[in-house]
């Protein structure tokens, strides 16, 4: 059986790599029982470092929409050149609140 593919960066997610489920609509915004996607932990952290819960619920609630965000598109381009097991601090720091 092949490894699942991260819907953000399109790289495989090996079983020994940190991974997490992302609620496409944040739990706090009504997505508690809603759909989730399995992501690399680094990809999940970048999503939450970039977007607020309100932005995620309102505009960025699909993998395609997430990839269309300028900062996330730049991140995907950067992380795509890394091996699937790559883990690092989220580049660029947290978003301004």
PDB file of N, CA and C in Angstrom:
ATOM      1  N   UNK A   1       0.845  -1.190   0.000  1.00  0.00           N
ATOM      2  CA  UNK A   1       0.000   0.000   0.000  1.00  0.00           C
ATOM      3  C   UNK A   1       0.883   1.243   0.000  1.00  0.00           C
ATOM      4  N   UNK A   2       0.543   2.217  -0.825  1.00  0.00           N
ATOM      5  CA  UNK A   2       1.371   3.416  -0.902  1.00  0.00           C
ATOM      6  C   UNK A   2       0.973   4.408   0.190  1.00  0.00           C
ATOM      7  N   UNK A   3       1.898   5.327   0.479  1.00  0.00           N
ATOM      8  CA  UNK A   3       1.675   6.332   1.511  1.00  0.00           C
ATOM      9  C   UNK A   3       0.604   7.314   1.052  1.00  0.00           C
ATOM     10  N   UNK A   4      -0.177   7.865   1.994  1.00  0.00           N
ATOM     11  CA  UNK A   4      -1.142   8.896   1.621  1.00  0.00           C
ATOM     12  C   UNK A   4      -0.418  10.129   1.079  1.00  0.00           C
ATOM     13  N   UNK A   5      -1.099  10.907   0.277  1.00  0.00           N
ATOM     14  CA  UNK A   5      -0.529  12.122  -0.319  1.00  0.00           C
ATOM     15  C   UNK A   5      -1.094  13.334   0.424  1.00  0.00           C
ATOM     16  N   UNK A   6      -0.211  14.242   0.792  1.00  0.00           N
ATOM     17  CA  UNK A   6      -0.623  15.476   1.462  1.00  0.00           C
ATOM     18  C   UNK A   6      -1.369  16.352   0.448  1.00  0.00           C
ATOM     19  N   UNK A   7      -2.615  16.747   0.747  1.00  0.00           N
ATOM     20  CA  UNK A   7      -3.361  17.553  -0.222  1.00  0.00           C
ATOM     21  C   UNK A   7      -2.844  18.986  -0.374  1.00  0.00           C
ATOM     22  N   UNK A   8      -1.967  19.430   0.535  1.00  0.00           N
ATOM     23  CA  UNK A   8      -1.417  20.780   0.381  1.00  0.00           C
ATOM     24  C   UNK A   8      -0.193  20.746  -0.527  1.00  0.00           C
ATOM     25  N   UNK A   9       0.819  19.957  -0.165  1.00  0.00           N
ATOM     26  CA  UNK A   9       2.082  19.987  -0.921  1.00  0.00           C
ATOM     27  C   UNK A   9       2.199  18.885  -1.967  1.00  0.00           C
ATOM     28  N   UNK A  10       1.259  17.930  -1.942  1.00  0.00           N
ATOM     29  CA  UNK A  10       1.231  16.826  -2.919  1.00  0.00           C
ATOM     30  C   UNK A  10       2.391  15.828  -2.764  1.00  0.00           C
ATOM     31  N   UNK A  11       3.114  15.887  -1.633  1.00  0.00           N
ATOM     32  CA  UNK A  11       4.168  14.904  -1.380  1.00  0.00           C
ATOM     33  C   UNK A  11       3.589  13.745  -0.583  1.00  0.00           C
ATOM     34  N   UNK A  12       4.194  12.537  -0.681  1.00  0.00           N
ATOM     35  CA  UNK A  12       3.721  11.415   0.138  1.00  0.00           C
ATOM     36  C   UNK A  12       3.963  11.694   1.629  1.00  0.00           C
ATOM     37  N   UNK A  13       3.134  11.081   2.470  1.00  0.00           N
ATOM     38  CA  UNK A  13       3.285  11.195   3.920  1.00  0.00           C
ATOM     39  C   UNK A  13       3.689   9.818   4.449  1.00  0.00           C
ATOM     40  N   UNK A  14       5.006   9.558   4.617  1.00  0.00           N
ATOM     41  CA  UNK A  14       5.443   8.264   5.138  1.00  0.00           C
ATOM     42  C   UNK A  14       4.924   8.052   6.568  1.00  0.00           C
ATOM     43  N   UNK A  15       4.735   6.797   6.989  1.00  0.00           N
ATOM     44  CA  UNK A  15       4.162   6.535   8.309  1.00  0.00           C
ATOM     45  C   UNK A  15       5.019   7.044   9.469  1.00  0.00           C
ATOM     46  N   UNK A  16       6.322   7.204   9.260  1.00  0.00           N
ATOM     47  CA  UNK A  16       7.203   7.638  10.348  1.00  0.00           C
ATOM     48  C   UNK A  16       7.349   9.161  10.433  1.00  0.00           C
ATOM     49  N   UNK A  17       6.610   9.903   9.601  1.00  0.00           N
ATOM     50  CA  UNK A  17       6.691  11.358   9.575  1.00  0.00           C
ATOM     51  C   UNK A  17       5.550  11.941  10.404  1.00  0.00           C
ATOM     52  N   UNK A  18       5.847  13.030  11.137  1.00  0.00           N
ATOM     53  CA  UNK A  18       4.783  13.698  11.899  1.00  0.00           C
ATOM     54  C   UNK A  18       3.691  14.146  10.948  1.00  0.00           C
ATOM     55  N   UNK A  19       2.459  13.820  11.312  1.00  0.00           N
ATOM     56  CA  UNK A  19       1.314  14.150  10.475  1.00  0.00           C
ATOM     57  C   UNK A  19       0.155  14.552  11.373  1.00  0.00           C
ATOM     58  N   UNK A  20      -0.810  15.239  10.809  1.00  0.00           N
ATOM     59  CA  UNK A  20      -1.969  15.650  11.597  1.00  0.00           C
ATOM     60  C   UNK A  20      -3.171  15.841  10.692  1.00  0.00           C
ATOM     61  N   UNK A  21      -4.352  15.775  11.307  1.00  0.00           N
ATOM     62  CA  UNK A  21      -5.603  15.994  10.587  1.00  0.00           C
ATOM     63  C   UNK A  21      -5.986  17.464  10.693  1.00  0.00           C
ATOM     64  N   UNK A  22      -6.373  18.024   9.567  1.00  0.00           N
ATOM     65  CA  UNK A  22      -6.797  19.422   9.507  1.00  0.00           C
ATOM     66  C   UNK A  22      -8.291  19.452   9.218  1.00  0.00           C
ATOM     67  N   UNK A  23      -9.051  20.140  10.071  1.00  0.00           N
ATOM     68  CA  UNK A  23     -10.476  20.346   9.820  1.00  0.00           C
ATOM     69  C   UNK A  23     -10.611  21.418   8.741  1.00  0.00           C
ATOM     70  N   UNK A  24     -11.242  21.073   7.637  1.00  0.00           N
ATOM     71  CA  UNK A  24     -11.374  22.040   6.541  1.00  0.00           C
ATOM     72  C   UNK A  24     -12.183  23.256   6.977  1.00  0.00           C
ATOM     73  N   UNK A  25     -13.166  23.050   7.829  1.00  0.00           N
ATOM     74  CA  UNK A  25     -13.849  24.162   8.499  1.00  0.00           C
ATOM     75  C   UNK A  25     -13.465  24.023   9.976  1.00  0.00           C
ATOM     76  N   UNK A  26     -12.827  25.039  10.540  1.00  0.00           N
ATOM     77  CA  UNK A  26     -12.343  24.924  11.920  1.00  0.00           C
ATOM     78  C   UNK A  26     -13.453  24.509  12.894  1.00  0.00           C
ATOM     79  N   UNK A  27     -13.073  23.697  13.860  1.00  0.00           N
ATOM     80  CA  UNK A  27     -14.035  23.220  14.862  1.00  0.00           C
ATOM     81  C   UNK A  27     -14.757  24.379  15.542  1.00  0.00           C
ATOM     82  N   UNK A  28     -14.016  25.449  15.830  1.00  0.00           N
ATOM     83  CA  UNK A  28     -14.624  26.591  16.515  1.00  0.00           C
ATOM     84  C   UNK A  28     -15.606  27.356  15.636  1.00  0.00           C
ATOM     85  N   UNK A  29     -15.573  27.090  14.342  1.00  0.00           N
ATOM     86  CA  UNK A  29     -16.458  27.788  13.401  1.00  0.00           C
ATOM     87  C   UNK A  29     -17.519  26.843  12.831  1.00  0.00           C
ATOM     88  N   UNK A  30     -17.833  25.764  13.565  1.00  0.00           N
ATOM     89  CA  UNK A  30     -18.892  24.854  13.152  1.00  0.00           C
ATOM     90  C   UNK A  30     -18.451  23.601  12.439  1.00  0.00           C
ATOM     91  N   UNK A  31     -17.163  23.357  12.359  1.00  0.00           N
ATOM     92  CA  UNK A  31     -16.669  22.198  11.624  1.00  0.00           C
ATOM     93  C   UNK A  31     -16.313  20.999  12.474  1.00  0.00           C
ATOM     94  N   UNK A  32     -16.836  20.924  13.702  1.00  0.00           N
ATOM     95  CA  UNK A  32     -16.455  19.847  14.632  1.00  0.00           C
ATOM     96  C   UNK A  32     -16.620  18.462  14.021  1.00  0.00           C
ATOM     97  N   UNK A  33     -17.737  18.180  13.396  1.00  0.00           N
ATOM     98  CA  UNK A  33     -17.954  16.868  12.800  1.00  0.00           C
ATOM     99  C   UNK A  33     -17.701  16.847  11.310  1.00  0.00           C
ATOM    100  N   UNK A  34     -17.128  17.930  10.801  1.00  0.00           N
ATOM    101  CA  UNK A  34     -16.940  18.075   9.353  1.00  0.00           C
ATOM    102  C   UNK A  34     -15.744  17.320   8.814  1.00  0.00           C
ATOM    103  N   UNK A  35     -15.504  17.469   7.526  1.00  0.00           N
ATOM    104  CA  UNK A  35     -14.416  16.736   6.873  1.00  0.00           C
ATOM    105  C   UNK A  35     -13.031  17.203   7.335  1.00  0.00           C
ATOM    106  N   UNK A  36     -12.118  16.241   7.368  1.00  0.00           N
ATOM    107  CA  UNK A  36     -10.721  16.528   7.694  1.00  0.00           C
ATOM    108  C   UNK A  36      -9.842  15.969   6.583  1.00  0.00           C
ATOM    109  N   UNK A  37      -8.627  16.480   6.508  1.00  0.00           N
ATOM    110  CA  UNK A  37      -7.630  15.952   5.578  1.00  0.00           C
ATOM    111  C   UNK A  37      -6.354  15.668   6.362  1.00  0.00           C
ATOM    112  N   UNK A  38      -5.642  14.629   5.949  1.00  0.00           N
ATOM    113  CA  UNK A  38      -4.375  14.274   6.573  1.00  0.00           C
ATOM    114  C   UNK A  38      -3.260  15.068   5.901  1.00  0.00           C
ATOM    115  N   UNK A  39      -2.462  15.779   6.711  1.00  0.00           N
ATOM    116  CA  UNK A  39      -1.383  16.630   6.203  1.00  0.00           C
ATOM    117  C   UNK A  39      -0.075  16.302   6.898  1.00  0.00           C
ATOM    118  N   UNK A  40       1.041  16.668   6.262  1.00  0.00           N
ATOM    119  CA  UNK A  40       2.315  16.707   6.987  1.00  0.00           C
ATOM    120  C   UNK A  40       2.134  17.706   8.124  1.00  0.00           C
ATOM    121  N   UNK A  41       2.751  17.450   9.243  1.00  0.00           N
ATOM    122  CA  UNK A  41       2.640  18.365  10.374  1.00  0.00           C
ATOM    123  C   UNK A  41       3.152  19.758   9.982  1.00  0.00           C
ATOM    124  N   UNK A  42       4.243  19.822   9.232  1.00  0.00           N
ATOM    125  CA  UNK A  42       4.807  21.114   8.823  1.00  0.00           C
ATOM    126  C   UNK A  42       3.812  21.885   7.943  1.00  0.00           C
ATOM    127  N   UNK A  43       3.078  21.177   7.090  1.00  0.00           N
ATOM    128  CA  UNK A  43       2.085  21.834   6.234  1.00  0.00           C
ATOM    129  C   UNK A  43       0.915  22.348   7.081  1.00  0.00           C
ATOM    130  N   UNK A  44       0.487  21.551   8.050  1.00  0.00           N
ATOM    131  CA  UNK A  44      -0.609  21.955   8.928  1.00  0.00           C
ATOM    132  C   UNK A  44      -0.222  23.190   9.730  1.00  0.00           C
ATOM    133  N   UNK A  45       0.990  23.205  10.253  1.00  0.00           N
ATOM    134  CA  UNK A  45       1.451  24.355  11.023  1.00  0.00           C
ATOM    135  C   UNK A  45       1.501  25.615  10.162  1.00  0.00           C
ATOM    136  N   UNK A  46       1.922  25.475   8.919  1.00  0.00           N
ATOM    137  CA  UNK A  46       1.995  26.645   8.031  1.00  0.00           C
ATOM    138  C   UNK A  46       0.601  27.208   7.756  1.00  0.00           C
ATOM    139  N   UNK A  47      -0.386  26.338   7.582  1.00  0.00           N
ATOM    140  CA  UNK A  47      -1.759  26.800   7.365  1.00  0.00           C
ATOM    141  C   UNK A  47      -2.207  27.676   8.532  1.00  0.00           C
ATOM    142  N   UNK A  48      -1.991  27.191   9.764  1.00  0.00           N
ATOM    143  CA  UNK A  48      -2.462  27.933  10.936  1.00  0.00           C
ATOM    144  C   UNK A  48      -1.582  29.136  11.268  1.00  0.00           C
ATOM    145  N   UNK A  49      -0.346  29.130  10.792  1.00  0.00           N
ATOM    146  CA  UNK A  49       0.513  30.305  10.966  1.00  0.00           C
ATOM    147  C   UNK A  49       0.124  31.410   9.985  1.00  0.00           C
ATOM    148  N   UNK A  50      -0.556  31.038   8.914  1.00  0.00           N
ATOM    149  CA  UNK A  50      -0.899  31.979   7.847  1.00  0.00           C
ATOM    150  C   UNK A  50      -2.303  32.548   7.975  1.00  0.00           C
ATOM    151  N   UNK A  51      -3.259  31.706   8.316  1.00  0.00           N
ATOM    152  CA  UNK A  51      -4.667  32.098   8.242  1.00  0.00           C
ATOM    153  C   UNK A  51      -5.370  32.026   9.598  1.00  0.00           C
ATOM    154  N   UNK A  52      -6.320  32.932   9.803  1.00  0.00           N
ATOM    155  CA  UNK A  52      -7.137  32.905  11.014  1.00  0.00           C
ATOM    156  C   UNK A  52      -8.222  31.837  10.862  1.00  0.00           C
ATOM    157  N   UNK A  53      -8.845  31.481  11.971  1.00  0.00           N
ATOM    158  CA  UNK A  53      -9.952  30.520  11.946  1.00  0.00           C
ATOM    159  C   UNK A  53     -11.085  31.058  11.053  1.00  0.00           C
ATOM    160  N   UNK A  54     -11.364  32.347  11.153  1.00  0.00           N
ATOM    161  CA  UNK A  54     -12.433  32.950  10.339  1.00  0.00           C
ATOM    162  C   UNK A  54     -12.098  32.857   8.853  1.00  0.00           C
ATOM    163  N   UNK A  55     -10.854  33.146   8.480  1.00  0.00           N
ATOM    164  CA  UNK A  55     -10.453  33.055   7.063  1.00  0.00           C
ATOM    165  C   UNK A  55     -10.558  31.615   6.571  1.00  0.00           C
ATOM    166  N   UNK A  56     -10.142  30.669   7.414  1.00  0.00           N
ATOM    167  CA  UNK A  56     -10.228  29.260   7.038  1.00  0.00           C
ATOM    168  C   UNK A  56     -11.684  28.857   6.806  1.00  0.00           C
ATOM    169  N   UNK A  57     -12.575  29.262   7.693  1.00  0.00           N
ATOM    170  CA  UNK A  57     -13.988  28.897   7.564  1.00  0.00           C
ATOM    171  C   UNK A  57     -14.634  29.565   6.353  1.00  0.00           C
ATOM    172  N   UNK A  58     -14.299  30.828   6.122  1.00  0.00           N
ATOM    173  CA  UNK A  58     -14.981  31.631   5.107  1.00  0.00           C
ATOM    174  C   UNK A  58     -14.454  31.384   3.693  1.00  0.00           C
ATOM    175  N   UNK A  59     -13.124  31.382   3.528  1.00  0.00           N
ATOM    176  CA  UNK A  59     -12.566  31.373   2.169  1.00  0.00           C
ATOM    177  C   UNK A  59     -11.651  30.199   1.849  1.00  0.00           C
ATOM    178  N   UNK A  60     -11.014  29.629   2.847  1.00  0.00           N
ATOM    179  CA  UNK A  60      -9.968  28.638   2.588  1.00  0.00           C
ATOM    180  C   UNK A  60     -10.333  27.287   3.181  1.00  0.00           C
ATOM    181  N   UNK A  61     -11.509  26.758   2.780  1.00  0.00           N
ATOM    182  CA  UNK A  61     -12.004  25.519   3.368  1.00  0.00           C
ATOM    183  C   UNK A  61     -11.928  24.317   2.424  1.00  0.00           C
ATOM    184  N   UNK A  62     -11.053  24.417   1.416  1.00  0.00           N
ATOM    185  CA  UNK A  62     -10.742  23.269   0.548  1.00  0.00           C
ATOM    186  C   UNK A  62      -9.236  23.264   0.315  1.00  0.00           C
ATOM    187  N   UNK A  63      -8.661  22.090   0.006  1.00  0.00           N
ATOM    188  CA  UNK A  63      -7.223  22.066  -0.303  1.00  0.00           C
ATOM    189  C   UNK A  63      -6.866  22.990  -1.472  1.00  0.00           C
ATOM    190  N   UNK A  64      -7.749  23.075  -2.475  1.00  0.00           N
ATOM    191  CA  UNK A  64      -7.484  23.937  -3.632  1.00  0.00           C
ATOM    192  C   UNK A  64      -7.426  25.404  -3.208  1.00  0.00           C
ATOM    193  N   UNK A  65      -8.370  25.808  -2.364  1.00  0.00           N
ATOM    194  CA  UNK A  65      -8.383  27.197  -1.889  1.00  0.00           C
ATOM    195  C   UNK A  65      -7.137  27.491  -1.060  1.00  0.00           C
ATOM    196  N   UNK A  66      -6.733  26.538  -0.218  1.00  0.00           N
ATOM    197  CA  UNK A  66      -5.529  26.734   0.592  1.00  0.00           C
ATOM    198  C   UNK A  66      -4.310  26.941  -0.311  1.00  0.00           C
ATOM    199  N   UNK A  67      -4.186  26.107  -1.348  1.00  0.00           N
ATOM    200  CA  UNK A  67      -3.036  26.228  -2.254  1.00  0.00           C
ATOM    201  C   UNK A  67      -3.061  27.534  -3.038  1.00  0.00           C
ATOM    202  N   UNK A  68      -4.236  28.166  -3.165  1.00  0.00           N
ATOM    203  CA  UNK A  68      -4.332  29.411  -3.930  1.00  0.00           C
ATOM    204  C   UNK A  68      -3.882  30.630  -3.114  1.00  0.00           C
ATOM    205  N   UNK A  69      -3.769  30.505  -1.804  1.00  0.00           N
ATOM    206  CA  UNK A  69      -3.337  31.635  -0.974  1.00  0.00           C
ATOM    207  C   UNK A  69      -1.875  31.949  -1.308  1.00  0.00           C
ATOM    208  N   UNK A  70      -1.512  33.210  -1.526  1.00  0.00           N
ATOM    209  CA  UNK A  70      -0.146  33.539  -1.957  1.00  0.00           C
ATOM    210  C   UNK A  70       0.954  33.010  -1.037  1.00  0.00           C
ATOM    211  N   UNK A  71       0.820  33.176   0.273  1.00  0.00           N
ATOM    212  CA  UNK A  71       1.872  32.695   1.178  1.00  0.00           C
ATOM    213  C   UNK A  71       1.938  31.166   1.178  1.00  0.00           C
ATOM    214  N   UNK A  72       0.776  30.503   1.151  1.00  0.00           N
ATOM    215  CA  UNK A  72       0.784  29.036   1.141  1.00  0.00           C
ATOM    216  C   UNK A  72       1.307  28.510  -0.190  1.00  0.00           C
ATOM    217  N   UNK A  73       1.011  29.199  -1.294  1.00  0.00           N
ATOM    218  CA  UNK A  73       1.543  28.788  -2.595  1.00  0.00           C
ATOM    219  C   UNK A  73       3.069  28.875  -2.590  1.00  0.00           C
ATOM    220  N   UNK A  74       3.593  29.917  -1.995  1.00  0.00           N
ATOM    221  CA  UNK A  74       5.046  30.075  -1.890  1.00  0.00           C
ATOM    222  C   UNK A  74       5.640  28.979  -1.001  1.00  0.00           C
ATOM    223  N   UNK A  75       4.961  28.676   0.113  1.00  0.00           N
ATOM    224  CA  UNK A  75       5.399  27.599   1.009  1.00  0.00           C
ATOM    225  C   UNK A  75       5.405  26.258   0.271  1.00  0.00           C
ATOM    226  N   UNK A  76       4.337  25.960  -0.479  1.00  0.00           N
ATOM    227  CA  UNK A  76       4.244  24.689  -1.207  1.00  0.00           C
ATOM    228  C   UNK A  76       5.390  24.573  -2.199  1.00  0.00           C
ATOM    229  N   UNK A  77       5.684  25.655  -2.901  1.00  0.00           N
ATOM    230  CA  UNK A  77       6.800  25.647  -3.860  1.00  0.00           C
ATOM    231  C   UNK A  77       8.117  25.344  -3.141  1.00  0.00           C
ATOM    232  N   UNK A  78       8.303  25.932  -1.958  1.00  0.00           N
ATOM    233  CA  UNK A  78       9.522  25.737  -1.171  1.00  0.00           C
ATOM    234  C   UNK A  78       9.600  24.308  -0.623  1.00  0.00           C
ATOM    235  N   UNK A  79       8.529  23.833   0.001  1.00  0.00           N
ATOM    236  CA  UNK A  79       8.575  22.526   0.673  1.00  0.00           C
ATOM    237  C   UNK A  79       8.574  21.377  -0.339  1.00  0.00           C
ATOM    238  N   UNK A  80       8.081  21.603  -1.538  1.00  0.00           N
ATOM    239  CA  UNK A  80       8.062  20.550  -2.560  1.00  0.00           C
ATOM    240  C   UNK A  80       9.474  20.087  -2.919  1.00  0.00           C
ATOM    241  N   UNK A  81      10.468  20.937  -2.678  1.00  0.00           N
ATOM    242  CA  UNK A  81      11.858  20.569  -2.973  1.00  0.00           C
ATOM    243  C   UNK A  81      12.508  19.808  -1.813  1.00  0.00           C
ATOM    244  N   UNK A  82      11.759  19.600  -0.730  1.00  0.00           N
ATOM    245  CA  UNK A  82      12.277  18.894   0.442  1.00  0.00           C
ATOM    246  C   UNK A  82      11.799  17.442   0.414  1.00  0.00           C
ATOM    247  N   UNK A  83      12.526  16.541   1.082  1.00  0.00           N
ATOM    248  CA  UNK A  83      12.066  15.148   1.141  1.00  0.00           C
ATOM    249  C   UNK A  83      10.774  15.048   1.965  1.00  0.00           C
ATOM    250  N   UNK A  84       9.975  13.994   1.758  1.00  0.00           N
ATOM    251  CA  UNK A  84       8.698  13.863   2.466  1.00  0.00           C
ATOM    252  C   UNK A  84       8.829  13.903   3.993  1.00  0.00           C
ATOM    253  N   UNK A  85       9.961  13.475   4.531  1.00  0.00           N
ATOM    254  CA  UNK A  85      10.141  13.467   5.975  1.00  0.00           C
ATOM    255  C   UNK A  85      10.689  14.757   6.542  1.00  0.00           C
ATOM    256  N   UNK A  86      10.853  15.778   5.713  1.00  0.00           N
ATOM    257  CA  UNK A  86      11.441  17.040   6.147  1.00  0.00           C
ATOM    258  C   UNK A  86      10.593  17.687   7.235  1.00  0.00           C
ATOM    259  N   UNK A  87      11.257  18.160   8.282  1.00  0.00           N
ATOM    260  CA  UNK A  87      10.566  18.853   9.359  1.00  0.00           C
ATOM    261  C   UNK A  87      11.424  20.028   9.765  1.00  0.00           C
ATOM    262  N   UNK A  88      10.819  21.174   9.906  1.00  0.00           N
ATOM    263  CA  UNK A  88      11.562  22.366  10.284  1.00  0.00           C
ATOM    264  C   UNK A  88      10.606  23.328  10.950  1.00  0.00           C
ATOM    265  N   UNK A  89      11.154  24.379  11.504  1.00  0.00           N
ATOM    266  CA  UNK A  89      10.296  25.442  12.007  1.00  0.00           C
ATOM    267  C   UNK A  89       9.544  26.036  10.824  1.00  0.00           C
ATOM    268  N   UNK A  90       8.364  26.550  11.083  1.00  0.00           N
ATOM    269  CA  UNK A  90       7.586  27.195  10.024  1.00  0.00           C
ATOM    270  C   UNK A  90       8.307  28.457   9.600  1.00  0.00           C
ATOM    271  N   UNK A  91       8.684  28.575   8.310  1.00  0.00           N
ATOM    272  CA  UNK A  91       9.382  29.765   7.869  1.00  0.00           C
ATOM    273  C   UNK A  91       8.475  30.985   7.885  1.00  0.00           C
ATOM    274  N   UNK A  92       9.026  32.129   8.198  1.00  0.00           N
ATOM    275  CA  UNK A  92       8.265  33.366   8.098  1.00  0.00           C
ATOM    276  C   UNK A  92       7.515  33.768   9.352  1.00  0.00           C
ATOM    277  N   UNK A  93       7.540  32.955  10.376  1.00  0.00           N
ATOM    278  CA  UNK A  93       6.901  33.328  11.633  1.00  0.00           C
ATOM    279  C   UNK A  93       5.396  33.253  11.605  1.00  0.00           C
ATOM    280  N   UNK A  94       4.788  33.543  12.729  1.00  0.00           N
ATOM    281  CA  UNK A  94       3.330  33.485  12.837  1.00  0.00           C
ATOM    282  C   UNK A  94       2.688  34.707  12.197  1.00  0.00           C
ATOM    283  N   UNK A  95       1.453  34.512  11.762  1.00  0.00           N
ATOM    284  CA  UNK A  95       0.729  35.638  11.159  1.00  0.00           C
ATOM    285  C   UNK A  95       0.433  36.667  12.249  1.00  0.00           C
ATOM    286  N   UNK A  96       0.262  37.882  11.837  1.00  0.00           N
ATOM    287  CA  UNK A  96      -0.035  38.965  12.783  1.00  0.00           C
ATOM    288  C   UNK A  96      -1.492  38.863  13.210  1.00  0.00           C
ATOM    289  N   UNK A  97      -1.763  38.930  14.488  1.00  0.00           N
ATOM    290  CA  UNK A  97      -3.141  38.814  14.989  1.00  0.00           C
ATOM    291  C   UNK A  97      -3.754  40.174  15.175  1.00  0.00           C
TER     292      UNK A  97
END
